[in-house]
PDB file of N, CA and C in Angstrom:
ATOM      1  N   UNK A   1     165.853  98.823  78.230  1.00  0.00           N
ATOM      2  CA  UNK A   1     165.546  99.903  77.342  1.00  0.00           C
ATOM      3  C   UNK A   1     164.197  99.647  76.694  1.00  0.00           C
ATOM      4  N   UNK A   2     163.329 100.604  76.696  1.00  0.00           N
ATOM      5  CA  UNK A   2     161.987 100.497  76.127  1.00  0.00           C
ATOM      6  C   UNK A   2     162.035 100.714  74.629  1.00  0.00           C
ATOM      7  N   UNK A   3     161.187  99.993  73.921  1.00  0.00           N
ATOM      8  CA  UNK A   3     161.164 100.144  72.452  1.00  0.00           C
ATOM      9  C   UNK A   3     160.332 101.343  72.025  1.00  0.00           C
ATOM     10  N   UNK A   4     159.483 101.881  72.909  1.00  0.00           N
ATOM     11  CA  UNK A   4     158.705 103.074  72.580  1.00  0.00           C
ATOM     12  C   UNK A   4     157.379 102.780  71.912  1.00  0.00           C
ATOM     13  N   UNK A   5     157.039 101.520  71.688  1.00  0.00           N
ATOM     14  CA  UNK A   5     155.775 101.185  71.019  1.00  0.00           C
ATOM     15  C   UNK A   5     154.555 101.325  71.922  1.00  0.00           C
ATOM     16  N   UNK A   6     154.747 101.219  73.213  1.00  0.00           N
ATOM     17  CA  UNK A   6     153.595 101.323  74.113  1.00  0.00           C
ATOM     18  C   UNK A   6     153.682 102.537  75.019  1.00  0.00           C
ATOM     19  N   UNK A   7     154.378 103.566  74.579  1.00  0.00           N
ATOM     20  CA  UNK A   7     154.415 104.817  75.341  1.00  0.00           C
ATOM     21  C   UNK A   7     153.023 105.429  75.390  1.00  0.00           C
ATOM     22  N   UNK A   8     152.539 105.805  76.565  1.00  0.00           N
ATOM     23  CA  UNK A   8     151.215 106.412  76.716  1.00  0.00           C
ATOM     24  C   UNK A   8     150.081 105.407  76.788  1.00  0.00           C
ATOM     25  N   UNK A   9     150.334 104.129  76.739  1.00  0.00           N
ATOM     26  CA  UNK A   9     149.280 103.115  76.780  1.00  0.00           C
ATOM     27  C   UNK A   9     148.577 103.101  78.140  1.00  0.00           C
ATOM     28  N   UNK A  10     149.318 103.388  79.189  1.00  0.00           N
ATOM     29  CA  UNK A  10     148.725 103.388  80.527  1.00  0.00           C
ATOM     30  C   UNK A  10     147.671 104.485  80.650  1.00  0.00           C
ATOM     31  N   UNK A  11     147.914 105.625  80.033  1.00  0.00           N
ATOM     32  CA  UNK A  11     146.957 106.722  80.084  1.00  0.00           C
ATOM     33  C   UNK A  11     145.675 106.346  79.352  1.00  0.00           C
ATOM     34  N   UNK A  12     145.807 105.731  78.194  1.00  0.00           N
ATOM     35  CA  UNK A  12     144.639 105.304  77.416  1.00  0.00           C
ATOM     36  C   UNK A  12     143.867 104.223  78.163  1.00  0.00           C
ATOM     37  N   UNK A  13     144.575 103.247  78.712  1.00  0.00           N
ATOM     38  CA  UNK A  13     143.916 102.181  79.471  1.00  0.00           C
ATOM     39  C   UNK A  13     143.184 102.741  80.691  1.00  0.00           C
ATOM     40  N   UNK A  14     143.817 103.657  81.396  1.00  0.00           N
ATOM     41  CA  UNK A  14     143.171 104.272  82.554  1.00  0.00           C
ATOM     42  C   UNK A  14     141.894 105.004  82.131  1.00  0.00           C
ATOM     43  N   UNK A  15     141.953 105.741  81.048  1.00  0.00           N
ATOM     44  CA  UNK A  15     140.798 106.486  80.567  1.00  0.00           C
ATOM     45  C   UNK A  15     139.653 105.544  80.206  1.00  0.00           C
ATOM     46  N   UNK A  16     139.950 104.458  79.514  1.00  0.00           N
ATOM     47  CA  UNK A  16     138.907 103.499  79.129  1.00  0.00           C
ATOM     48  C   UNK A  16     138.297 102.811  80.354  1.00  0.00           C
ATOM     49  N   UNK A  17     139.134 102.400  81.271  1.00  0.00           N
ATOM     50  CA  UNK A  17     138.639 101.727  82.471  1.00  0.00           C
ATOM     51  C   UNK A  17     137.858 102.709  83.341  1.00  0.00           C
ATOM     52  N   UNK A  18     138.339 103.937  83.476  1.00  0.00           N
ATOM     53  CA  UNK A  18     137.636 104.936  84.275  1.00  0.00           C
ATOM     54  C   UNK A  18     136.269 105.251  83.688  1.00  0.00           C
ATOM     55  N   UNK A  19     136.164 105.354  82.366  1.00  0.00           N
ATOM     56  CA  UNK A  19     134.874 105.612  81.728  1.00  0.00           C
ATOM     57  C   UNK A  19     133.908 104.457  81.977  1.00  0.00           C
ATOM     58  N   UNK A  20     134.399 103.243  81.873  1.00  0.00           N
ATOM     59  CA  UNK A  20     133.553 102.073  82.117  1.00  0.00           C
ATOM     60  C   UNK A  20     133.096 102.015  83.572  1.00  0.00           C
ATOM     61  N   UNK A  21     133.985 102.259  84.500  1.00  0.00           N
ATOM     62  CA  UNK A  21     133.618 102.241  85.919  1.00  0.00           C
ATOM     63  C   UNK A  21     132.665 103.374  86.270  1.00  0.00           C
ATOM     64  N   UNK A  22     132.842 104.521  85.665  1.00  0.00           N
ATOM     65  CA  UNK A  22     131.923 105.638  85.903  1.00  0.00           C
ATOM     66  C   UNK A  22     130.522 105.299  85.406  1.00  0.00           C
ATOM     67  N   UNK A  23     130.422 104.718  84.206  1.00  0.00           N
ATOM     68  CA  UNK A  23     129.120 104.326  83.670  1.00  0.00           C
ATOM     69  C   UNK A  23     128.456 103.274  84.562  1.00  0.00           C
ATOM     70  N   UNK A  24     129.226 102.316  85.037  1.00  0.00           N
ATOM     71  CA  UNK A  24     128.693 101.281  85.926  1.00  0.00           C
ATOM     72  C   UNK A  24     128.215 101.886  87.245  1.00  0.00           C
ATOM     73  N   UNK A  25     128.986 102.798  87.809  1.00  0.00           N
ATOM     74  CA  UNK A  25     128.606 103.463  89.051  1.00  0.00           C
ATOM     75  C   UNK A  25     127.318 104.260  88.875  1.00  0.00           C
ATOM     76  N   UNK A  26     127.204 105.003  87.773  1.00  0.00           N
ATOM     77  CA  UNK A  26     125.996 105.793  87.531  1.00  0.00           C
ATOM     78  C   UNK A  26     124.772 104.905  87.322  1.00  0.00           C
ATOM     79  N   UNK A  27     124.961 103.763  86.668  1.00  0.00           N
ATOM     80  CA  UNK A  27     123.845 102.831  86.472  1.00  0.00           C
ATOM     81  C   UNK A  27     123.372 102.265  87.813  1.00  0.00           C
ATOM     82  N   UNK A  28     124.296 101.920  88.682  1.00  0.00           N
ATOM     83  CA  UNK A  28     123.926 101.419  90.009  1.00  0.00           C
ATOM     84  C   UNK A  28     123.246 102.504  90.843  1.00  0.00           C
ATOM     85  N   UNK A  29     123.731 103.725  90.726  1.00  0.00           N
ATOM     86  CA  UNK A  29     123.111 104.839  91.431  1.00  0.00           C
ATOM     87  C   UNK A  29     121.676 105.061  90.948  1.00  0.00           C
ATOM     88  N   UNK A  30     121.449 104.957  89.649  1.00  0.00           N
ATOM     89  CA  UNK A  30     120.105 105.123  89.094  1.00  0.00           C
ATOM     90  C   UNK A  30     119.187 103.988  89.533  1.00  0.00           C
ATOM     91  N   UNK A  31     119.699 102.772  89.578  1.00  0.00           N
ATOM     92  CA  UNK A  31     118.907 101.643  90.060  1.00  0.00           C
ATOM     93  C   UNK A  31     118.504 101.853  91.513  1.00  0.00           C
ATOM     94  N   UNK A  32     119.427 102.337  92.322  1.00  0.00           N
ATOM     95  CA  UNK A  32     119.110 102.634  93.721  1.00  0.00           C
ATOM     96  C   UNK A  32     118.037 103.701  93.840  1.00  0.00           C
ATOM     97  N   UNK A  33     118.102 104.722  92.993  1.00  0.00           N
ATOM     98  CA  UNK A  33     117.084 105.773  93.013  1.00  0.00           C
ATOM     99  C   UNK A  33     115.721 105.213  92.615  1.00  0.00           C
ATOM    100  N   UNK A  34     115.679 104.394  91.583  1.00  0.00           N
ATOM    101  CA  UNK A  34     114.410 103.803  91.143  1.00  0.00           C
ATOM    102  C   UNK A  34     113.809 102.921  92.241  1.00  0.00           C
ATOM    103  N   UNK A  35     114.644 102.141  92.915  1.00  0.00           N
ATOM    104  CA  UNK A  35     114.144 101.296  94.008  1.00  0.00           C
ATOM    105  C   UNK A  35     113.666 102.138  95.188  1.00  0.00           C
ATOM    106  N   UNK A  36     114.353 103.222  95.473  1.00  0.00           N
ATOM    107  CA  UNK A  36     113.922 104.116  96.544  1.00  0.00           C
ATOM    108  C   UNK A  36     112.552 104.711  96.225  1.00  0.00           C
ATOM    109  N   UNK A  37     112.367 105.165  94.995  1.00  0.00           N
ATOM    110  CA  UNK A  37     111.080 105.739  94.591  1.00  0.00           C
ATOM    111  C   UNK A  37     109.984 104.688  94.709  1.00  0.00           C
ATOM    112  N   UNK A  38     110.233 103.489  94.199  1.00  0.00           N
ATOM    113  CA  UNK A  38     109.221 102.425  94.260  1.00  0.00           C
ATOM    114  C   UNK A  38     108.868 102.080  95.705  1.00  0.00           C
ATOM    115  N   UNK A  39     109.871 101.897  96.554  1.00  0.00           N
ATOM    116  CA  UNK A  39     109.611 101.545  97.951  1.00  0.00           C
ATOM    117  C   UNK A  39     108.863 102.653  98.687  1.00  0.00           C
ATOM    118  N   UNK A  40     109.187 103.895  98.387  1.00  0.00           N
ATOM    119  CA  UNK A  40     108.484 105.014  99.008  1.00  0.00           C
ATOM    120  C   UNK A  40     107.028 105.044  98.576  1.00  0.00           C
ATOM    121  N   UNK A  41     106.766 104.800  97.290  1.00  0.00           N
ATOM    122  CA  UNK A  41     105.388 104.791  96.794  1.00  0.00           C
ATOM    123  C   UNK A  41     104.590 103.638  97.396  1.00  0.00           C
ATOM    124  N   UNK A  42     105.208 102.468  97.500  1.00  0.00           N
ATOM    125  CA  UNK A  42     104.520 101.304  98.090  1.00  0.00           C
ATOM    126  C   UNK A  42     104.183 101.574  99.550  1.00  0.00           C
ATOM    127  N   UNK A  43     105.140 102.090 100.306  1.00  0.00           N
ATOM    128  CA  UNK A  43     104.901 102.367 101.729  1.00  0.00           C
ATOM    129  C   UNK A  43     103.826 103.445 101.909  1.00  0.00           C
ATOM    130  N   UNK A  44     103.846 104.465 101.067  1.00  0.00           N
ATOM    131  CA  UNK A  44     102.851 105.536 101.174  1.00  0.00           C
ATOM    132  C   UNK A  44     101.458 105.021 100.827  1.00  0.00           C
ATOM    133  N   UNK A  45     101.349 104.198  99.784  1.00  0.00           N
ATOM    134  CA  UNK A  45     100.047 103.649  99.404  1.00  0.00           C
ATOM    135  C   UNK A  45      99.506 102.719 100.486  1.00  0.00           C
ATOM    136  N   UNK A  46     100.367 101.906 101.063  1.00  0.00           N
ATOM    137  CA  UNK A  46      99.930 100.994 102.124  1.00  0.00           C
ATOM    138  C   UNK A  46      99.462 101.769 103.351  1.00  0.00           C
ATOM    139  N   UNK A  47     100.202 102.802 103.724  1.00  0.00           N
ATOM    140  CA  UNK A  47      99.811 103.601 104.886  1.00  0.00           C
ATOM    141  C   UNK A  47      98.507 104.344 104.613  1.00  0.00           C
ATOM    142  N   UNK A  48      98.336 104.852 103.402  1.00  0.00           N
ATOM    143  CA  UNK A  48      97.087 105.521 103.044  1.00  0.00           C
ATOM    144  C   UNK A  48      95.904 104.568 103.080  1.00  0.00           C
ATOM    145  N   UNK A  49      96.105 103.341 102.615  1.00  0.00           N
ATOM    146  CA  UNK A  49      95.019 102.354 102.650  1.00  0.00           C
ATOM    147  C   UNK A  49      94.658 101.991 104.090  1.00  0.00           C
ATOM    148  N   UNK A  50      95.653 101.811 104.937  1.00  0.00           N
ATOM    149  CA  UNK A  50      95.367 101.514 106.359  1.00  0.00           C
ATOM    150  C   UNK A  50      94.600 102.658 107.018  1.00  0.00           C
ATOM    151  N   UNK A  51      94.986 103.870 106.697  1.00  0.00           N
ATOM    152  CA  UNK A  51      94.305 105.035 107.266  1.00  0.00           C
ATOM    153  C   UNK A  51      92.859 105.110 106.777  1.00  0.00           C
ATOM    154  N   UNK A  52      92.657 104.869 105.488  1.00  0.00           N
ATOM    155  CA  UNK A  52      91.307 104.944 104.915  1.00  0.00           C
ATOM    156  C   UNK A  52      90.417 103.802 105.393  1.00  0.00           C
ATOM    157  N   UNK A  53      91.007 102.693 105.838  1.00  0.00           N
ATOM    158  CA  UNK A  53      90.219 101.539 106.270  1.00  0.00           C
ATOM    159  C   UNK A  53      89.628 101.712 107.663  1.00  0.00           C
ATOM    160  N   UNK A  54      90.048 102.721 108.384  1.00  0.00           N
ATOM    161  CA  UNK A  54      89.478 102.956 109.718  1.00  0.00           C
ATOM    162  C   UNK A  54      87.977 103.195 109.600  1.00  0.00           C
ATOM    163  N   UNK A  55      87.249 102.881 110.654  1.00  0.00           N
ATOM    164  CA  UNK A  55      85.790 102.914 110.622  1.00  0.00           C
ATOM    165  C   UNK A  55      85.226 104.298 110.316  1.00  0.00           C
ATOM    166  N   UNK A  56      85.906 105.333 110.707  1.00  0.00           N
ATOM    167  CA  UNK A  56      85.369 106.678 110.508  1.00  0.00           C
ATOM    168  C   UNK A  56      86.007 107.411 109.323  1.00  0.00           C
ATOM    169  N   UNK A  57      86.605 106.682 108.395  1.00  0.00           N
ATOM    170  CA  UNK A  57      87.298 107.293 107.256  1.00  0.00           C
ATOM    171  C   UNK A  57      86.701 106.815 105.934  1.00  0.00           C
ATOM    172  N   UNK A  58      87.006 107.556 104.872  1.00  0.00           N
ATOM    173  CA  UNK A  58      86.602 107.185 103.513  1.00  0.00           C
ATOM    174  C   UNK A  58      87.867 107.057 102.680  1.00  0.00           C
ATOM    175  N   UNK A  59      87.791 106.396 101.521  1.00  0.00           N
ATOM    176  CA  UNK A  59      88.987 106.215 100.692  1.00  0.00           C
ATOM    177  C   UNK A  59      89.679 107.528 100.305  1.00  0.00           C
ATOM    178  N   UNK A  60      88.921 108.592 100.137  1.00  0.00           N
ATOM    179  CA  UNK A  60      89.538 109.876  99.779  1.00  0.00           C
ATOM    180  C   UNK A  60      90.498 110.360 100.866  1.00  0.00           C
ATOM    181  N   UNK A  61      90.208 110.028 102.137  1.00  0.00           N
ATOM    182  CA  UNK A  61      91.128 110.386 103.219  1.00  0.00           C
ATOM    183  C   UNK A  61      92.467 109.667 103.049  1.00  0.00           C
ATOM    184  N   UNK A  62      92.406 108.411 102.657  1.00  0.00           N
ATOM    185  CA  UNK A  62      93.632 107.652 102.426  1.00  0.00           C
ATOM    186  C   UNK A  62      94.427 108.183 101.256  1.00  0.00           C
ATOM    187  N   UNK A  63      93.725 108.593 100.200  1.00  0.00           N
ATOM    188  CA  UNK A  63      94.415 109.170  99.044  1.00  0.00           C
ATOM    189  C   UNK A  63      95.091 110.485  99.423  1.00  0.00           C
ATOM    190  N   UNK A  64      94.424 111.298 100.228  1.00  0.00           N
ATOM    191  CA  UNK A  64      95.014 112.564 100.661  1.00  0.00           C
ATOM    192  C   UNK A  64      96.256 112.327 101.516  1.00  0.00           C
ATOM    193  N   UNK A  65      96.188 111.359 102.430  1.00  0.00           N
ATOM    194  CA  UNK A  65      97.354 111.043 103.254  1.00  0.00           C
ATOM    195  C   UNK A  65      98.496 110.527 102.386  1.00  0.00           C
ATOM    196  N   UNK A  66      98.174 109.675 101.419  1.00  0.00           N
ATOM    197  CA  UNK A  66      99.198 109.140 100.524  1.00  0.00           C
ATOM    198  C   UNK A  66      99.884 110.264  99.765  1.00  0.00           C
ATOM    199  N   UNK A  67      99.103 111.208  99.246  1.00  0.00           N
ATOM    200  CA  UNK A  67      99.701 112.348  98.538  1.00  0.00           C
ATOM    201  C   UNK A  67     100.655 113.134  99.443  1.00  0.00           C
ATOM    202  N   UNK A  68     100.220 113.377 100.680  1.00  0.00           N
ATOM    203  CA  UNK A  68     101.077 114.165 101.581  1.00  0.00           C
ATOM    204  C   UNK A  68     102.353 113.398 101.945  1.00  0.00           C
ATOM    205  N   UNK A  69     102.261 112.085 102.125  1.00  0.00           N
ATOM    206  CA  UNK A  69     103.454 111.287 102.422  1.00  0.00           C
ATOM    207  C   UNK A  69     104.425 111.296 101.249  1.00  0.00           C
ATOM    208  N   UNK A  70     103.888 111.169 100.042  1.00  0.00           N
ATOM    209  CA  UNK A  70     104.749 111.185  98.855  1.00  0.00           C
ATOM    210  C   UNK A  70     105.415 112.543  98.692  1.00  0.00           C
ATOM    211  N   UNK A  71     104.641 113.600  98.879  1.00  0.00           N
ATOM    212  CA  UNK A  71     105.211 114.954  98.737  1.00  0.00           C
ATOM    213  C   UNK A  71     106.284 115.230  99.788  1.00  0.00           C
ATOM    214  N   UNK A  72     106.145 114.619 100.957  1.00  0.00           N
ATOM    215  CA  UNK A  72     107.149 114.811 102.003  1.00  0.00           C
ATOM    216  C   UNK A  72     108.445 114.066 101.697  1.00  0.00           C
ATOM    217  N   UNK A  73     108.373 113.026 100.855  1.00  0.00           N
ATOM    218  CA  UNK A  73     109.548 112.199 100.594  1.00  0.00           C
ATOM    219  C   UNK A  73     110.142 112.384  99.204  1.00  0.00           C
ATOM    220  N   UNK A  74     109.305 112.688  98.227  1.00  0.00           N
ATOM    221  CA  UNK A  74     109.744 112.780  96.829  1.00  0.00           C
ATOM    222  C   UNK A  74     109.272 114.095  96.227  1.00  0.00           C
ATOM    223  N   UNK A  75     109.486 114.261  94.949  1.00  0.00           N
ATOM    224  CA  UNK A  75     109.012 115.454  94.247  1.00  0.00           C
ATOM    225  C   UNK A  75     107.485 115.437  94.172  1.00  0.00           C
ATOM    226  N   UNK A  76     106.878 116.615  94.096  1.00  0.00           N
ATOM    227  CA  UNK A  76     105.418 116.724  94.034  1.00  0.00           C
ATOM    228  C   UNK A  76     104.816 115.999  92.840  1.00  0.00           C
ATOM    229  N   UNK A  77     105.565 115.888  91.758  1.00  0.00           N
ATOM    230  CA  UNK A  77     105.024 115.254  90.543  1.00  0.00           C
ATOM    231  C   UNK A  77     104.695 113.778  90.752  1.00  0.00           C
ATOM    232  N   UNK A  78     105.294 113.128  91.745  1.00  0.00           N
ATOM    233  CA  UNK A  78     105.002 111.719  92.002  1.00  0.00           C
ATOM    234  C   UNK A  78     103.652 111.532  92.683  1.00  0.00           C
ATOM    235  N   UNK A  79     103.072 112.605  93.228  1.00  0.00           N
ATOM    236  CA  UNK A  79     101.819 112.500  93.988  1.00  0.00           C
ATOM    237  C   UNK A  79     100.591 112.846  93.163  1.00  0.00           C
ATOM    238  N   UNK A  80     100.725 113.048  91.855  1.00  0.00           N
ATOM    239  CA  UNK A  80      99.572 113.479  91.064  1.00  0.00           C
ATOM    240  C   UNK A  80      98.654 112.328  90.666  1.00  0.00           C
ATOM    241  N   UNK A  81      99.138 111.122  90.574  1.00  0.00           N
ATOM    242  CA  UNK A  81      98.321 110.005  90.109  1.00  0.00           C
ATOM    243  C   UNK A  81      97.832 109.098  91.210  1.00  0.00           C
ATOM    244  N   UNK A  82      97.288 109.652  92.288  1.00  0.00           N
ATOM    245  CA  UNK A  82      96.808 108.847  93.417  1.00  0.00           C
ATOM    246  C   UNK A  82      95.295 108.698  93.315  1.00  0.00           C
ATOM    247  N   UNK A  83      94.819 107.456  93.419  1.00  0.00           N
ATOM    248  CA  UNK A  83      93.377 107.199  93.427  1.00  0.00           C
ATOM    249  C   UNK A  83      93.083 106.166  94.511  1.00  0.00           C
ATOM    250  N   UNK A  84      91.812 106.080  94.902  1.00  0.00           N
ATOM    251  CA  UNK A  84      91.443 105.159  95.978  1.00  0.00           C
ATOM    252  C   UNK A  84      90.004 104.703  95.780  1.00  0.00           C
ATOM    253  N   UNK A  85      89.642 103.660  96.507  1.00  0.00           N
ATOM    254  CA  UNK A  85      88.278 103.163  96.425  1.00  0.00           C
ATOM    255  C   UNK A  85      88.097 101.902  97.245  1.00  0.00           C
ATOM    256  N   UNK A  86      86.896 101.325  97.096  1.00  0.00           N
ATOM    257  CA  UNK A  86      86.564 100.067  97.764  1.00  0.00           C
ATOM    258  C   UNK A  86      86.619  98.944  96.742  1.00  0.00           C
ATOM    259  N   UNK A  87      86.979  97.745  97.202  1.00  0.00           N
ATOM    260  CA  UNK A  87      86.874  96.552  96.367  1.00  0.00           C
ATOM    261  C   UNK A  87      86.741  95.338  97.276  1.00  0.00           C
ATOM    262  N   UNK A  88      86.172  94.293  96.717  1.00  0.00           N
ATOM    263  CA  UNK A  88      85.988  93.050  97.464  1.00  0.00           C
ATOM    264  C   UNK A  88      87.031  92.055  96.979  1.00  0.00           C
ATOM    265  N   UNK A  89      87.825  91.539  97.915  1.00  0.00           N
ATOM    266  CA  UNK A  89      88.860  90.560  97.604  1.00  0.00           C
ATOM    267  C   UNK A  89      88.520  89.277  98.344  1.00  0.00           C
ATOM    268  N   UNK A  90      88.213  88.222  97.605  1.00  0.00           N
ATOM    269  CA  UNK A  90      87.842  86.929  98.186  1.00  0.00           C
ATOM    270  C   UNK A  90      86.695  87.063  99.186  1.00  0.00           C
ATOM    271  N   UNK A  91      85.731  87.887  98.864  1.00  0.00           N
ATOM    272  CA  UNK A  91      84.560  88.065  99.703  1.00  0.00           C
ATOM    273  C   UNK A  91      84.748  88.999 100.876  1.00  0.00           C
ATOM    274  N   UNK A  92      85.906  89.619 100.986  1.00  0.00           N
ATOM    275  CA  UNK A  92      86.211  90.509 102.107  1.00  0.00           C
ATOM    276  C   UNK A  92      86.281  91.944 101.586  1.00  0.00           C
ATOM    277  N   UNK A  93      85.540  92.863 102.211  1.00  0.00           N
ATOM    278  CA  UNK A  93      85.610  94.258 101.764  1.00  0.00           C
ATOM    279  C   UNK A  93      86.955  94.896 102.140  1.00  0.00           C
ATOM    280  N   UNK A  94      87.582  95.511 101.170  1.00  0.00           N
ATOM    281  CA  UNK A  94      88.868  96.163 101.403  1.00  0.00           C
ATOM    282  C   UNK A  94      88.847  97.584 100.840  1.00  0.00           C
ATOM    283  N   UNK A  95      89.816  98.347 101.271  1.00  0.00           N
ATOM    284  CA  UNK A  95      90.060  99.685 100.748  1.00  0.00           C
ATOM    285  C   UNK A  95      91.393  99.621 100.016  1.00  0.00           C
ATOM    286  N   UNK A  96      91.477 100.256  98.847  1.00  0.00           N
ATOM    287  CA  UNK A  96      92.750 100.292  98.139  1.00  0.00           C
ATOM    288  C   UNK A  96      93.136 101.730  97.844  1.00  0.00           C
ATOM    289  N   UNK A  97      94.419 101.939  97.751  1.00  0.00           N
ATOM    290  CA  UNK A  97      94.985 103.205  97.288  1.00  0.00           C
ATOM    291  C   UNK A  97      95.967 102.836  96.188  1.00  0.00           C
ATOM    292  N   UNK A  98      95.797 103.436  95.010  1.00  0.00           N
ATOM    293  CA  UNK A  98      96.669 103.160  93.862  1.00  0.00           C
ATOM    294  C   UNK A  98      97.450 104.420  93.514  1.00  0.00           C
ATOM    295  N   UNK A  99      98.718 104.229  93.200  1.00  0.00           N
ATOM    296  CA  UNK A  99      99.581 105.347  92.800  1.00  0.00           C
ATOM    297  C   UNK A  99     100.167 105.028  91.430  1.00  0.00           C
ATOM    298  N   UNK A 100      99.903 105.897  90.457  1.00  0.00           N
ATOM    299  CA  UNK A 100     100.528 105.826  89.136  1.00  0.00           C
ATOM    300  C   UNK A 100     101.548 106.952  89.074  1.00  0.00           C
ATOM    301  N   UNK A 101     102.795 106.617  88.819  1.00  0.00           N
ATOM    302  CA  UNK A 101     103.849 107.635  88.850  1.00  0.00           C
ATOM    303  C   UNK A 101     104.885 107.364  87.771  1.00  0.00           C
ATOM    304  N   UNK A 102     105.779 108.301  87.644  1.00  0.00           N
ATOM    305  CA  UNK A 102     106.889 108.201  86.709  1.00  0.00           C
ATOM    306  C   UNK A 102     107.935 107.248  87.270  1.00  0.00           C
ATOM    307  N   UNK A 103     108.411 106.338  86.436  1.00  0.00           N
ATOM    308  CA  UNK A 103     109.519 105.476  86.822  1.00  0.00           C
ATOM    309  C   UNK A 103     110.805 106.207  86.457  1.00  0.00           C
ATOM    310  N   UNK A 104     111.631 106.583  87.434  1.00  0.00           N
ATOM    311  CA  UNK A 104     112.831 107.357  87.110  1.00  0.00           C
ATOM    312  C   UNK A 104     113.843 106.525  86.337  1.00  0.00           C
ATOM    313  N   UNK A 105     114.131 106.976  85.111  1.00  0.00           N
ATOM    314  CA  UNK A 105     115.084 106.278  84.256  1.00  0.00           C
ATOM    315  C   UNK A 105     116.397 107.060  84.170  1.00  0.00           C
ATOM    316  N   UNK A 106     116.280 108.371  84.015  1.00  0.00           N
ATOM    317  CA  UNK A 106     117.457 109.242  83.988  1.00  0.00           C
ATOM    318  C   UNK A 106     117.222 110.328  85.027  1.00  0.00           C
ATOM    319  N   UNK A 107     117.894 110.230  86.145  1.00  0.00           N
ATOM    320  CA  UNK A 107     117.613 111.134  87.253  1.00  0.00           C
ATOM    321  C   UNK A 107     116.203 110.858  87.740  1.00  0.00           C
ATOM    322  N   UNK A 108     115.388 111.878  87.883  1.00  0.00           N
ATOM    323  CA  UNK A 108     113.983 111.692  88.252  1.00  0.00           C
ATOM    324  C   UNK A 108     113.077 111.709  87.034  1.00  0.00           C
ATOM    325  N   UNK A 109     113.655 111.735  85.836  1.00  0.00           N
ATOM    326  CA  UNK A 109     112.876 111.765  84.602  1.00  0.00           C
ATOM    327  C   UNK A 109     112.645 110.355  84.086  1.00  0.00           C
ATOM    328  N   UNK A 110     111.509 110.155  83.450  1.00  0.00           N
ATOM    329  CA  UNK A 110     111.203 108.851  82.892  1.00  0.00           C
ATOM    330  C   UNK A 110     109.838 108.865  82.250  1.00  0.00           C
ATOM    331  N   UNK A 111     109.368 107.700  81.814  1.00  0.00           N
ATOM    332  CA  UNK A 111     108.062 107.642  81.160  1.00  0.00           C
ATOM    333  C   UNK A 111     106.929 107.913  82.149  1.00  0.00           C
ATOM    334  N   UNK A 112     105.981 108.721  81.715  1.00  0.00           N
ATOM    335  CA  UNK A 112     104.813 109.002  82.550  1.00  0.00           C
ATOM    336  C   UNK A 112     104.050 107.705  82.790  1.00  0.00           C
ATOM    337  N   UNK A 113     103.510 107.567  83.976  1.00  0.00           N
ATOM    338  CA  UNK A 113     102.761 106.366  84.365  1.00  0.00           C
ATOM    339  C   UNK A 113     103.601 105.100  84.155  1.00  0.00           C
ATOM    340  N   UNK A 114     104.871 105.192  84.461  1.00  0.00           N
ATOM    341  CA  UNK A 114     105.770 104.063  84.278  1.00  0.00           C
ATOM    342  C   UNK A 114     105.697 103.043  85.394  1.00  0.00           C
ATOM    343  N   UNK A 115     105.142 103.422  86.539  1.00  0.00           N
ATOM    344  CA  UNK A 115     105.056 102.499  87.666  1.00  0.00           C
ATOM    345  C   UNK A 115     103.680 102.644  88.317  1.00  0.00           C
ATOM    346  N   UNK A 116     103.101 101.519  88.691  1.00  0.00           N
ATOM    347  CA  UNK A 116     101.805 101.507  89.373  1.00  0.00           C
ATOM    348  C   UNK A 116     101.930 100.610  90.594  1.00  0.00           C
ATOM    349  N   UNK A 117     101.620 101.187  91.759  1.00  0.00           N
ATOM    350  CA  UNK A 117     101.646 100.419  93.004  1.00  0.00           C
ATOM    351  C   UNK A 117     100.294 100.551  93.686  1.00  0.00           C
ATOM    352  N   UNK A 118      99.972  99.552  94.506  1.00  0.00           N
ATOM    353  CA  UNK A 118      98.681  99.560  95.218  1.00  0.00           C
ATOM    354  C   UNK A 118      98.910  99.155  96.665  1.00  0.00           C
ATOM    355  N   UNK A 119      98.121  99.784  97.534  1.00  0.00           N
ATOM    356  CA  UNK A 119      98.078  99.408  98.933  1.00  0.00           C
ATOM    357  C   UNK A 119      96.667  98.961  99.268  1.00  0.00           C
ATOM    358  N   UNK A 120      96.528  97.894 100.055  1.00  0.00           N
ATOM    359  CA  UNK A 120      95.218  97.348 100.447  1.00  0.00           C
ATOM    360  C   UNK A 120      95.137  97.263 101.958  1.00  0.00           C
ATOM    361  N   UNK A 121      93.921  97.380 102.459  1.00  0.00           N
ATOM    362  CA  UNK A 121      93.685  97.159 103.895  1.00  0.00           C
ATOM    363  C   UNK A 121      92.235  96.696 104.065  1.00  0.00           C
ATOM    364  N   UNK A 122      92.013  95.860 105.061  1.00  0.00           N
ATOM    365  CA  UNK A 122      90.653  95.401 105.367  1.00  0.00           C
ATOM    366  C   UNK A 122      89.816  96.550 105.901  1.00  0.00           C
ATOM    367  N   UNK A 123      88.632  96.683 105.371  1.00  0.00           N
ATOM    368  CA  UNK A 123      87.751  97.769 105.781  1.00  0.00           C
ATOM    369  C   UNK A 123      87.166  97.465 107.165  1.00  0.00           C
ATOM    370  N   UNK A 124      87.311  98.405 108.068  1.00  0.00           N
ATOM    371  CA  UNK A 124      86.709  98.254 109.401  1.00  0.00           C
ATOM    372  C   UNK A 124      85.262  98.718 109.349  1.00  0.00           C
ATOM    373  N   UNK A 125      84.416  98.043 110.072  1.00  0.00           N
ATOM    374  CA  UNK A 125      83.009  98.457 110.164  1.00  0.00           C
ATOM    375  C   UNK A 125      82.713  98.776 111.610  1.00  0.00           C
ATOM    376  N   UNK A 126      81.810  99.680 111.791  1.00  0.00           N
ATOM    377  CA  UNK A 126      81.500  99.969 113.177  1.00  0.00           C
ATOM    378  C   UNK A 126      80.855 101.228 113.361  1.00  0.00           C
TER     379      UNK A 126
END
């Protein structure tokens, strides 16, 4: 015979555990989204730098390619902070493409210029 002191406790425990598991699941989902955005930006910047490093290209060509790659994979707002140029690294001329974008904290929203990635490639001459 039950004393009646813990009637309904299972419902309360389930609710508390379900809320905790839901919050944990959403946090992991958001982390996965942030990593996806970062990896996409890194890959796009690297590909843009390789393209711009070709002998018949200029850094602006790499920036344009990077923007189009980002727009094809993510929201257009991630492609607004793309810049490119030449720099010398350890005496070697290189081309870089830099992307400044929002780091997604809640969905795709987050602090502006929250993440900065760069792609480099050796400049071809010829």
